Amino acid sequence: MADSSFDIVSKVDKMEADNALHQAQKEIGQRYDFKGVGASVDWSGEKLLLKASTEERVNAVLDVLQSKLIKRGISLKSLDVGEPYPSGKEYRIEASLKNGISSENAKKISKMIREEGPKSVKAQIQGDELRVQSKSRDDLQATIAMLKQADIDVDLQFINFR
């Protein structure tokens, strides 16, 4: 019997992120507490740029964006948020969406699978994703359950289960 396998990836759906951004823009435009403070959130290349007149308001803009990302099914583990910094008369926060598993995190996940997972399971790093193989599908499902319970600072998706 051939080995069964699945891939572990960390990807953010760009369209869902875009939808969350538009919902956040709409709420910021309608809320009374954001009137006259120059609050905005927009794409700046691949990054998200949040602006407001004070540090408290720019943090409130961030809260709105985070709530919209959660509603669209995007984990906050995928959001890399910088510190608020002054820029002229306004405060800004730069945030980016993380795609792919860094080699450092891939090694950590691979080590976790080797040490804590079923013995028949083998993990292989392939670029920014991991391929996990085993003869037993039950062992693969146990590995997925173990990784879902683990405290990893990356949002993981399990794809191509065959």
N, C-alpha and C. Protein backbone atom coordinates (compact mmCIF):
# COMPACT_ATOMS: atom_id res chain seq x y z
N MET A 1 0.83 -1.19 0.00
CA MET A 1 0.00 0.00 0.00
C MET A 1 0.88 1.25 0.00
N ALA A 2 0.52 2.24 -0.79
CA ALA A 2 1.30 3.48 -0.89
C ALA A 2 1.13 4.33 0.36
N ASP A 3 2.11 5.17 0.60
CA ASP A 3 2.03 6.07 1.75
C ASP A 3 0.93 7.10 1.56
N SER A 4 0.26 7.43 2.66
CA SER A 4 -0.69 8.54 2.67
C SER A 4 0.08 9.78 3.09
N SER A 5 -0.43 10.96 2.69
CA SER A 5 0.29 12.18 3.05
C SER A 5 -0.66 13.37 3.11
N PHE A 6 -0.18 14.45 3.71
CA PHE A 6 -0.86 15.73 3.66
C PHE A 6 0.20 16.83 3.75
N ASP A 7 -0.18 18.04 3.37
CA ASP A 7 0.73 19.18 3.43
C ASP A 7 0.28 20.13 4.53
N ILE A 8 1.24 20.71 5.22
CA ILE A 8 0.96 21.75 6.21
C ILE A 8 1.41 23.07 5.60
N VAL A 9 0.48 24.01 5.48
CA VAL A 9 0.80 25.31 4.89
C VAL A 9 0.28 26.41 5.81
N SER A 10 0.70 27.62 5.54
CA SER A 10 0.18 28.80 6.24
C SER A 10 -0.05 29.87 5.19
N LYS A 11 -1.29 29.95 4.73
CA LYS A 11 -1.63 30.90 3.68
C LYS A 11 -2.84 31.72 4.09
N VAL A 12 -2.86 32.98 3.66
CA VAL A 12 -3.99 33.86 3.90
C VAL A 12 -4.66 34.12 2.56
N ASP A 13 -5.97 33.93 2.51
CA ASP A 13 -6.74 34.20 1.31
C ASP A 13 -6.77 35.72 1.09
N LYS A 14 -6.13 36.18 0.03
CA LYS A 14 -6.01 37.62 -0.25
C LYS A 14 -7.39 38.28 -0.42
N MET A 15 -8.33 37.57 -1.04
CA MET A 15 -9.66 38.15 -1.23
C MET A 15 -10.40 38.32 0.10
N GLU A 16 -10.26 37.34 1.00
CA GLU A 16 -10.90 37.47 2.31
C GLU A 16 -10.28 38.62 3.09
N ALA A 17 -8.96 38.78 3.00
CA ALA A 17 -8.28 39.89 3.67
C ALA A 17 -8.77 41.22 3.10
N ASP A 18 -8.93 41.27 1.79
CA ASP A 18 -9.42 42.48 1.12
C ASP A 18 -10.85 42.80 1.56
N ASN A 19 -11.70 41.76 1.66
CA ASN A 19 -13.07 41.96 2.12
C ASN A 19 -13.09 42.49 3.56
N ALA A 20 -12.24 41.93 4.42
CA ALA A 20 -12.16 42.39 5.81
C ALA A 20 -11.72 43.85 5.86
N LEU A 21 -10.76 44.21 5.00
CA LEU A 21 -10.28 45.60 4.95
C LEU A 21 -11.40 46.54 4.54
N HIS A 22 -12.18 46.16 3.52
CA HIS A 22 -13.29 47.02 3.08
C HIS A 22 -14.36 47.15 4.15
N GLN A 23 -14.64 46.08 4.87
CA GLN A 23 -15.61 46.15 5.96
C GLN A 23 -15.11 47.08 7.06
N ALA A 24 -13.82 47.00 7.37
CA ALA A 24 -13.23 47.87 8.39
C ALA A 24 -13.30 49.33 7.94
N GLN A 25 -12.99 49.60 6.66
CA GLN A 25 -13.07 50.97 6.14
C GLN A 25 -14.49 51.51 6.27
N LYS A 26 -15.47 50.66 5.96
CA LYS A 26 -16.86 51.09 6.04
C LYS A 26 -17.25 51.42 7.48
N GLU A 27 -16.86 50.57 8.42
CA GLU A 27 -17.19 50.82 9.83
C GLU A 27 -16.49 52.08 10.34
N ILE A 28 -15.24 52.29 9.96
CA ILE A 28 -14.50 53.48 10.39
C ILE A 28 -15.16 54.74 9.83
N GLY A 29 -15.67 54.67 8.60
CA GLY A 29 -16.35 55.80 8.00
C GLY A 29 -17.68 56.13 8.67
N GLN A 30 -18.32 55.13 9.27
CA GLN A 30 -19.64 55.34 9.85
C GLN A 30 -19.63 55.61 11.34
N ARG A 31 -18.60 55.18 12.06
CA ARG A 31 -18.62 55.32 13.52
C ARG A 31 -18.38 56.75 13.97
N TYR A 32 -19.15 57.17 14.96
CA TYR A 32 -19.09 58.55 15.47
C TYR A 32 -17.74 58.86 16.11
N ASP A 33 -17.16 57.90 16.83
CA ASP A 33 -15.89 58.18 17.52
C ASP A 33 -14.70 58.33 16.57
N PHE A 34 -14.87 58.02 15.28
CA PHE A 34 -13.80 58.20 14.31
C PHE A 34 -13.98 59.47 13.46
N LYS A 35 -15.04 60.25 13.73
CA LYS A 35 -15.29 61.48 12.96
C LYS A 35 -14.22 62.53 13.30
N GLY A 36 -13.60 63.06 12.27
CA GLY A 36 -12.66 64.16 12.45
C GLY A 36 -11.30 63.80 13.02
N VAL A 37 -10.97 62.50 13.11
CA VAL A 37 -9.65 62.13 13.62
C VAL A 37 -8.74 61.59 12.52
N GLY A 38 -9.20 61.65 11.27
CA GLY A 38 -8.37 61.21 10.14
C GLY A 38 -8.09 59.72 10.18
N ALA A 39 -9.00 58.94 10.73
CA ALA A 39 -8.80 57.49 10.84
C ALA A 39 -8.97 56.83 9.48
N SER A 40 -8.02 55.96 9.13
CA SER A 40 -8.14 55.20 7.88
C SER A 40 -7.30 53.93 7.96
N VAL A 41 -7.66 52.98 7.11
CA VAL A 41 -6.88 51.76 6.96
C VAL A 41 -6.89 51.43 5.47
N ASP A 42 -5.71 51.12 4.92
CA ASP A 42 -5.62 50.87 3.49
C ASP A 42 -4.39 50.02 3.19
N TRP A 43 -4.38 49.44 1.98
CA TRP A 43 -3.20 48.71 1.51
C TRP A 43 -2.11 49.70 1.15
N SER A 44 -0.90 49.39 1.50
CA SER A 44 0.27 50.15 1.07
C SER A 44 1.24 49.12 0.50
N GLY A 45 1.07 48.79 -0.75
CA GLY A 45 1.84 47.69 -1.33
C GLY A 45 1.29 46.38 -0.79
N GLU A 46 2.15 45.59 -0.16
CA GLU A 46 1.74 44.33 0.45
C GLU A 46 1.37 44.50 1.92
N LYS A 47 1.60 45.69 2.46
CA LYS A 47 1.33 45.95 3.87
C LYS A 47 0.02 46.69 4.06
N LEU A 48 -0.50 46.63 5.27
CA LEU A 48 -1.66 47.42 5.66
C LEU A 48 -1.16 48.64 6.42
N LEU A 49 -1.69 49.82 6.08
CA LEU A 49 -1.29 51.05 6.75
C LEU A 49 -2.49 51.62 7.47
N LEU A 50 -2.38 51.75 8.80
CA LEU A 50 -3.45 52.29 9.63
C LEU A 50 -3.02 53.69 10.08
N LYS A 51 -3.92 54.66 9.97
CA LYS A 51 -3.60 56.04 10.33
C LYS A 51 -4.71 56.62 11.21
N ALA A 52 -4.32 57.52 12.12
CA ALA A 52 -5.27 58.30 12.92
C ALA A 52 -4.50 59.43 13.59
N SER A 53 -5.24 60.38 14.17
CA SER A 53 -4.60 61.57 14.74
C SER A 53 -3.92 61.31 16.08
N THR A 54 -4.38 60.31 16.85
CA THR A 54 -3.75 60.01 18.14
C THR A 54 -3.42 58.53 18.22
N GLU A 55 -2.57 58.19 19.17
CA GLU A 55 -2.16 56.80 19.34
C GLU A 55 -3.34 55.92 19.76
N GLU A 56 -4.23 56.45 20.61
CA GLU A 56 -5.40 55.68 21.05
C GLU A 56 -6.33 55.38 19.87
N ARG A 57 -6.54 56.37 19.00
CA ARG A 57 -7.43 56.19 17.85
C ARG A 57 -6.85 55.18 16.87
N VAL A 58 -5.53 55.22 16.64
CA VAL A 58 -4.94 54.28 15.68
C VAL A 58 -5.02 52.85 16.25
N ASN A 59 -4.92 52.71 17.57
CA ASN A 59 -5.11 51.39 18.19
C ASN A 59 -6.56 50.93 18.07
N ALA A 60 -7.51 51.87 18.13
CA ALA A 60 -8.93 51.54 17.94
C ALA A 60 -9.18 51.09 16.50
N VAL A 61 -8.51 51.73 15.54
CA VAL A 61 -8.61 51.32 14.12
C VAL A 61 -8.09 49.89 13.98
N LEU A 62 -6.99 49.57 14.68
CA LEU A 62 -6.43 48.23 14.65
C LEU A 62 -7.43 47.21 15.22
N ASP A 63 -8.11 47.57 16.31
CA ASP A 63 -9.12 46.68 16.90
C ASP A 63 -10.24 46.39 15.90
N VAL A 64 -10.69 47.42 15.19
CA VAL A 64 -11.75 47.24 14.19
C VAL A 64 -11.27 46.28 13.10
N LEU A 65 -10.06 46.50 12.60
CA LEU A 65 -9.51 45.64 11.55
C LEU A 65 -9.39 44.19 12.04
N GLN A 66 -8.89 44.00 13.26
CA GLN A 66 -8.74 42.65 13.80
C GLN A 66 -10.09 41.94 13.92
N SER A 67 -11.11 42.68 14.38
CA SER A 67 -12.43 42.05 14.51
C SER A 67 -12.97 41.63 13.14
N LYS A 68 -12.73 42.44 12.12
CA LYS A 68 -13.20 42.10 10.77
C LYS A 68 -12.43 40.90 10.20
N LEU A 69 -11.12 40.81 10.49
CA LEU A 69 -10.34 39.66 10.03
C LEU A 69 -10.86 38.37 10.66
N ILE A 70 -11.18 38.43 11.96
CA ILE A 70 -11.69 37.25 12.65
C ILE A 70 -13.03 36.81 12.05
N LYS A 71 -13.91 37.80 11.78
CA LYS A 71 -15.21 37.47 11.18
C LYS A 71 -15.06 36.83 9.81
N ARG A 72 -14.00 37.17 9.08
CA ARG A 72 -13.79 36.61 7.75
C ARG A 72 -13.00 35.30 7.81
N GLY A 73 -12.70 34.82 9.01
CA GLY A 73 -12.02 33.52 9.16
C GLY A 73 -10.52 33.58 9.01
N ILE A 74 -9.92 34.74 9.21
CA ILE A 74 -8.47 34.87 9.12
C ILE A 74 -7.92 34.96 10.54
N SER A 75 -7.02 34.06 10.88
CA SER A 75 -6.46 34.02 12.22
C SER A 75 -5.56 35.23 12.46
N LEU A 76 -5.58 35.74 13.69
CA LEU A 76 -4.71 36.87 14.03
C LEU A 76 -3.24 36.45 14.11
N LYS A 77 -2.98 35.13 14.12
CA LYS A 77 -1.59 34.66 14.06
C LYS A 77 -0.96 35.03 12.71
N SER A 78 -1.79 35.25 11.70
CA SER A 78 -1.31 35.60 10.37
C SER A 78 -1.03 37.09 10.23
N LEU A 79 -1.42 37.89 11.23
CA LEU A 79 -1.25 39.34 11.16
C LEU A 79 -0.01 39.73 11.96
N ASP A 80 0.93 40.38 11.30
CA ASP A 80 2.16 40.85 11.94
C ASP A 80 2.04 42.36 12.11
N VAL A 81 1.82 42.81 13.35
CA VAL A 81 1.52 44.22 13.62
C VAL A 81 2.73 44.91 14.23
N GLY A 82 3.07 46.10 13.69
CA GLY A 82 4.15 46.90 14.23
C GLY A 82 3.65 47.81 15.35
N GLU A 83 4.55 48.56 15.94
CA GLU A 83 4.21 49.51 17.00
C GLU A 83 3.71 50.81 16.38
N PRO A 84 2.80 51.53 17.08
CA PRO A 84 2.37 52.84 16.58
C PRO A 84 3.55 53.82 16.59
N TYR A 85 3.69 54.59 15.53
CA TYR A 85 4.75 55.59 15.47
C TYR A 85 4.20 56.89 14.90
N PRO A 86 4.72 58.03 15.41
CA PRO A 86 4.23 59.32 14.90
C PRO A 86 4.82 59.61 13.52
N SER A 87 4.00 60.21 12.66
CA SER A 87 4.45 60.60 11.33
C SER A 87 3.77 61.93 11.01
N GLY A 88 4.49 63.01 11.20
CA GLY A 88 3.88 64.33 11.01
C GLY A 88 2.86 64.59 12.09
N LYS A 89 1.62 64.89 11.70
CA LYS A 89 0.57 65.17 12.67
C LYS A 89 -0.28 63.95 12.99
N GLU A 90 0.11 62.78 12.51
CA GLU A 90 -0.71 61.59 12.74
C GLU A 90 0.14 60.43 13.25
N TYR A 91 -0.55 59.43 13.76
CA TYR A 91 0.11 58.19 14.19
C TYR A 91 -0.21 57.11 13.16
N ARG A 92 0.76 56.22 12.97
CA ARG A 92 0.59 55.15 11.99
C ARG A 92 0.99 53.81 12.59
N ILE A 93 0.36 52.77 12.07
CA ILE A 93 0.75 51.40 12.39
C ILE A 93 0.86 50.66 11.06
N GLU A 94 1.98 49.96 10.88
CA GLU A 94 2.13 49.12 9.70
C GLU A 94 1.90 47.67 10.11
N ALA A 95 1.10 46.97 9.33
CA ALA A 95 0.82 45.56 9.60
C ALA A 95 0.96 44.80 8.29
N SER A 96 1.34 43.54 8.40
CA SER A 96 1.44 42.72 7.20
C SER A 96 0.84 41.34 7.48
N LEU A 97 0.45 40.67 6.41
CA LEU A 97 -0.11 39.33 6.52
C LEU A 97 0.99 38.33 6.21
N LYS A 98 1.17 37.37 7.11
CA LYS A 98 2.23 36.37 6.94
C LYS A 98 1.73 35.22 6.08
N ASN A 99 2.47 34.92 5.03
CA ASN A 99 2.20 33.77 4.17
C ASN A 99 3.39 32.85 4.21
N GLY A 100 3.15 31.56 4.29
CA GLY A 100 4.24 30.59 4.31
C GLY A 100 4.75 30.35 5.72
N ILE A 101 5.40 29.22 5.88
CA ILE A 101 5.98 28.85 7.17
C ILE A 101 7.47 29.12 7.09
N SER A 102 8.00 29.93 8.02
CA SER A 102 9.43 30.22 8.00
C SER A 102 10.21 28.94 8.27
N SER A 103 11.47 28.90 7.84
CA SER A 103 12.27 27.68 8.01
C SER A 103 12.45 27.37 9.50
N GLU A 104 12.53 28.41 10.32
CA GLU A 104 12.68 28.22 11.77
C GLU A 104 11.44 27.51 12.35
N ASN A 105 10.25 28.00 11.97
CA ASN A 105 9.00 27.37 12.45
C ASN A 105 8.82 25.99 11.84
N ALA A 106 9.22 25.80 10.58
CA ALA A 106 9.10 24.50 9.93
C ALA A 106 9.95 23.46 10.67
N LYS A 107 11.15 23.85 11.09
CA LYS A 107 12.02 22.94 11.84
C LYS A 107 11.40 22.61 13.19
N LYS A 108 10.79 23.61 13.83
CA LYS A 108 10.16 23.40 15.13
C LYS A 108 8.99 22.42 15.00
N ILE A 109 8.17 22.59 13.96
CA ILE A 109 7.01 21.71 13.75
C ILE A 109 7.49 20.30 13.41
N SER A 110 8.51 20.20 12.56
CA SER A 110 9.06 18.91 12.17
C SER A 110 9.61 18.16 13.39
N LYS A 111 10.30 18.88 14.27
CA LYS A 111 10.85 18.29 15.48
C LYS A 111 9.73 17.82 16.40
N MET A 112 8.66 18.62 16.50
CA MET A 112 7.51 18.27 17.33
C MET A 112 6.87 16.98 16.82
N ILE A 113 6.74 16.86 15.49
CA ILE A 113 6.15 15.65 14.90
C ILE A 113 7.02 14.43 15.20
N ARG A 114 8.36 14.60 15.08
CA ARG A 114 9.29 13.49 15.35
C ARG A 114 9.21 13.04 16.80
N GLU A 115 9.16 14.01 17.72
CA GLU A 115 9.23 13.67 19.14
C GLU A 115 7.89 13.24 19.74
N GLU A 116 6.81 13.93 19.38
CA GLU A 116 5.53 13.69 20.04
C GLU A 116 4.54 12.90 19.20
N GLY A 117 4.75 12.87 17.90
CA GLY A 117 3.79 12.21 17.01
C GLY A 117 4.00 10.71 16.96
N PRO A 118 3.10 10.01 16.26
CA PRO A 118 3.27 8.57 16.07
C PRO A 118 4.59 8.27 15.35
N LYS A 119 5.18 7.10 15.66
CA LYS A 119 6.52 6.78 15.16
C LYS A 119 6.57 6.59 13.64
N SER A 120 5.47 6.21 13.02
CA SER A 120 5.49 5.94 11.58
C SER A 120 5.43 7.21 10.72
N VAL A 121 5.24 8.35 11.36
CA VAL A 121 5.04 9.60 10.63
C VAL A 121 6.38 10.28 10.33
N LYS A 122 6.54 10.69 9.08
CA LYS A 122 7.76 11.39 8.64
C LYS A 122 7.38 12.76 8.12
N ALA A 123 8.11 13.80 8.53
CA ALA A 123 7.85 15.16 8.06
C ALA A 123 9.03 15.63 7.22
N GLN A 124 8.72 16.33 6.13
CA GLN A 124 9.74 16.78 5.19
C GLN A 124 9.47 18.24 4.86
N ILE A 125 10.49 19.10 4.99
CA ILE A 125 10.32 20.52 4.70
C ILE A 125 10.51 20.73 3.20
N GLN A 126 9.50 21.40 2.58
CA GLN A 126 9.57 21.69 1.15
C GLN A 126 9.29 23.17 0.95
N GLY A 127 10.34 23.98 0.95
CA GLY A 127 10.17 25.42 0.78
C GLY A 127 9.47 26.02 1.98
N ASP A 128 8.29 26.62 1.76
CA ASP A 128 7.57 27.25 2.88
C ASP A 128 6.39 26.40 3.32
N GLU A 129 6.47 25.07 3.10
CA GLU A 129 5.43 24.17 3.59
C GLU A 129 6.07 22.86 4.02
N LEU A 130 5.29 22.02 4.69
CA LEU A 130 5.78 20.72 5.14
C LEU A 130 4.93 19.62 4.54
N ARG A 131 5.56 18.53 4.14
CA ARG A 131 4.85 17.34 3.66
C ARG A 131 5.00 16.29 4.77
N VAL A 132 3.87 15.73 5.20
CA VAL A 132 3.87 14.73 6.25
C VAL A 132 3.37 13.42 5.65
N GLN A 133 4.14 12.32 5.85
CA GLN A 133 3.80 11.04 5.23
C GLN A 133 3.77 9.93 6.27
N SER A 134 2.93 8.94 6.00
CA SER A 134 2.86 7.75 6.85
C SER A 134 2.09 6.68 6.10
N LYS A 135 2.27 5.42 6.49
CA LYS A 135 1.50 4.34 5.89
C LYS A 135 0.08 4.33 6.46
N SER A 136 -0.07 4.82 7.68
CA SER A 136 -1.36 4.78 8.37
C SER A 136 -2.05 6.13 8.33
N ARG A 137 -3.29 6.17 7.80
CA ARG A 137 -4.06 7.42 7.77
C ARG A 137 -4.45 7.84 9.19
N ASP A 138 -4.65 6.87 10.07
CA ASP A 138 -5.00 7.18 11.46
C ASP A 138 -3.87 7.94 12.15
N ASP A 139 -2.62 7.55 11.86
CA ASP A 139 -1.47 8.26 12.43
C ASP A 139 -1.41 9.69 11.91
N LEU A 140 -1.75 9.89 10.63
CA LEU A 140 -1.76 11.24 10.07
C LEU A 140 -2.84 12.09 10.75
N GLN A 141 -4.01 11.50 10.97
CA GLN A 141 -5.07 12.25 11.64
C GLN A 141 -4.69 12.56 13.08
N ALA A 142 -4.00 11.66 13.75
CA ALA A 142 -3.52 11.91 15.11
C ALA A 142 -2.50 13.05 15.11
N THR A 143 -1.67 13.10 14.07
CA THR A 143 -0.67 14.18 13.94
C THR A 143 -1.36 15.53 13.75
N ILE A 144 -2.41 15.57 12.91
CA ILE A 144 -3.16 16.81 12.71
C ILE A 144 -3.77 17.27 14.02
N ALA A 145 -4.39 16.34 14.76
CA ALA A 145 -5.00 16.68 16.04
C ALA A 145 -3.96 17.23 17.02
N MET A 146 -2.77 16.59 17.05
CA MET A 146 -1.69 17.05 17.94
C MET A 146 -1.25 18.47 17.57
N LEU A 147 -1.10 18.76 16.27
CA LEU A 147 -0.65 20.08 15.84
C LEU A 147 -1.71 21.15 16.11
N LYS A 148 -3.00 20.77 16.02
CA LYS A 148 -4.06 21.74 16.32
C LYS A 148 -4.05 22.11 17.80
N GLN A 149 -3.67 21.16 18.66
CA GLN A 149 -3.62 21.41 20.11
C GLN A 149 -2.36 22.18 20.51
N ALA A 150 -1.30 22.07 19.71
CA ALA A 150 0.00 22.67 20.05
C ALA A 150 -0.07 24.20 20.00
N ASP A 151 0.76 24.83 20.80
CA ASP A 151 0.83 26.29 20.83
C ASP A 151 1.92 26.76 19.87
N ILE A 152 1.54 26.92 18.60
CA ILE A 152 2.48 27.34 17.56
C ILE A 152 2.07 28.73 17.13
N ASP A 153 3.03 29.65 16.97
CA ASP A 153 2.69 31.03 16.63
C ASP A 153 2.49 31.25 15.13
N VAL A 154 2.03 30.20 14.43
CA VAL A 154 1.73 30.27 13.00
C VAL A 154 0.34 29.68 12.80
N ASP A 155 -0.44 30.28 11.91
CA ASP A 155 -1.75 29.75 11.56
C ASP A 155 -1.54 28.62 10.54
N LEU A 156 -1.90 27.39 10.90
CA LEU A 156 -1.65 26.25 10.03
C LEU A 156 -2.92 25.77 9.34
N GLN A 157 -2.79 25.40 8.07
CA GLN A 157 -3.86 24.73 7.34
C GLN A 157 -3.31 23.38 6.86
N PHE A 158 -4.19 22.39 6.82
CA PHE A 158 -3.80 21.04 6.41
C PHE A 158 -4.52 20.75 5.10
N ILE A 159 -3.73 20.56 4.03
CA ILE A 159 -4.31 20.39 2.69
C ILE A 159 -3.78 19.13 2.03
N ASN A 160 -4.37 18.75 0.91
CA ASN A 160 -3.94 17.62 0.08
C ASN A 160 -3.86 16.31 0.86
N PHE A 161 -4.85 16.05 1.72
CA PHE A 161 -4.85 14.79 2.47
C PHE A 161 -5.21 13.66 1.51
N ARG A 162 -4.25 12.76 1.27
CA ARG A 162 -4.53 11.62 0.39
C ARG A 162 -3.82 10.38 0.88
